[in-house]
Amino acid sequence: MTRGESSSIEPLLKVRYSLNRGGTFVSAGAMAEDAPISLVGAMSDNIRFLSLSWLMIAKSQKMADMVAMGRSDLSFF
């Protein structure tokens, strides 16, 4: 499910509460507001949440600069 900056949180909640026990919720994208999801309910239903790790261009450039200067080693990737 992809969320845009101006999108409503309602479709996300419909998807979450339509999952069966042991289901996996996957979110790829930005949300315009916080998602009011009960962690206790998710744990009771054994629901897994997967999401992307966002990285802004400026932070990416800073990491690339650190690697170029020898201040960071990303060879394990």
Protein backbone atom coordinates (compact mmCIF):
# COMPACT_ATOMS: atom_id res chain seq x y z
CA MET A 1 0.00 0.00 0.00
CA THR A 2 1.48 3.34 -1.00
CA ARG A 3 0.68 6.56 0.80
CA GLY A 4 1.22 10.06 -0.55
CA GLU A 5 1.78 13.25 1.38
CA SER A 6 -1.88 14.32 1.11
CA SER A 7 -3.51 10.89 1.41
CA SER A 8 -5.95 9.85 4.10
CA ILE A 9 -5.07 7.31 6.77
CA GLU A 10 -8.44 5.53 6.34
CA PRO A 11 -7.36 3.05 3.60
CA LEU A 12 -4.37 2.05 5.74
CA LEU A 13 -6.63 1.30 8.70
CA LYS A 14 -9.05 -0.70 6.52
CA VAL A 15 -6.17 -2.86 5.31
CA ARG A 16 -4.75 -3.36 8.81
CA TYR A 17 -8.08 -4.41 10.29
CA SER A 18 -8.85 -6.73 7.35
CA LEU A 19 -5.77 -8.86 8.10
CA ASN A 20 -6.27 -12.30 9.58
CA ARG A 21 -4.26 -13.60 12.53
CA GLY A 22 -0.63 -13.97 11.48
CA GLY A 23 -1.00 -11.54 8.55
CA THR A 24 1.67 -9.12 7.34
CA PHE A 25 1.01 -5.44 6.70
CA VAL A 26 3.43 -3.87 4.19
CA SER A 27 3.63 -0.09 3.80
CA ALA A 28 5.74 1.52 1.09
CA GLY A 29 5.51 5.27 1.04
CA ALA A 30 4.92 8.33 3.16
CA MET A 31 1.94 8.97 5.40
CA ALA A 32 0.54 12.43 6.00
CA GLU A 33 -0.40 11.62 9.60
CA ASP A 34 0.37 9.15 12.38
CA ALA A 35 -1.35 5.78 12.14
CA PRO A 36 -3.47 5.06 15.24
CA ILE A 37 -2.77 1.33 15.38
CA SER A 38 -3.02 -0.59 18.64
CA LEU A 39 0.22 -2.45 19.34
CA VAL A 40 -1.54 -4.69 21.85
CA GLY A 41 -4.13 -5.64 19.22
CA ALA A 42 -1.41 -6.26 16.61
CA MET A 43 0.54 -8.44 19.05
CA SER A 44 -2.60 -10.36 20.05
CA ASP A 45 -3.39 -11.02 16.38
CA ASN A 46 0.27 -11.81 15.59
CA ILE A 47 0.30 -9.09 12.88
CA ARG A 48 3.67 -8.14 11.38
CA PHE A 49 4.37 -4.64 10.06
CA LEU A 50 6.95 -4.04 7.32
CA SER A 51 7.92 -0.62 6.06
CA LEU A 52 10.61 1.11 4.07
CA SER A 53 13.48 2.99 5.62
CA TRP A 54 13.41 6.45 4.07
CA LEU A 55 16.69 8.17 3.28
CA MET A 56 16.77 11.76 2.06
CA ILE A 57 19.11 12.88 -0.74
CA ALA A 58 21.12 15.15 1.58
CA LYS A 59 21.75 12.27 4.02
CA SER A 60 22.71 10.00 1.12
CA GLN A 61 25.25 12.56 -0.08
CA LYS A 62 26.65 12.97 3.42
CA MET A 63 27.13 9.19 3.67
CA ALA A 64 28.81 9.09 0.24
CA ASP A 65 31.15 11.92 1.32
CA MET A 66 32.08 10.05 4.50
CA VAL A 67 32.90 6.92 2.48
CA ALA A 68 34.97 8.97 0.02
CA MET A 69 36.96 10.49 2.92
CA GLY A 70 37.52 7.07 4.47
CA ARG A 71 35.46 7.91 7.56
CA SER A 72 32.93 5.14 6.93
CA ASP A 73 33.30 1.60 5.57
CA LEU A 74 30.30 0.11 3.77
CA SER A 75 32.15 -2.88 2.35
CA PHE A 76 30.00 -5.30 4.36
CA PHE A 77 27.05 -4.51 2.08
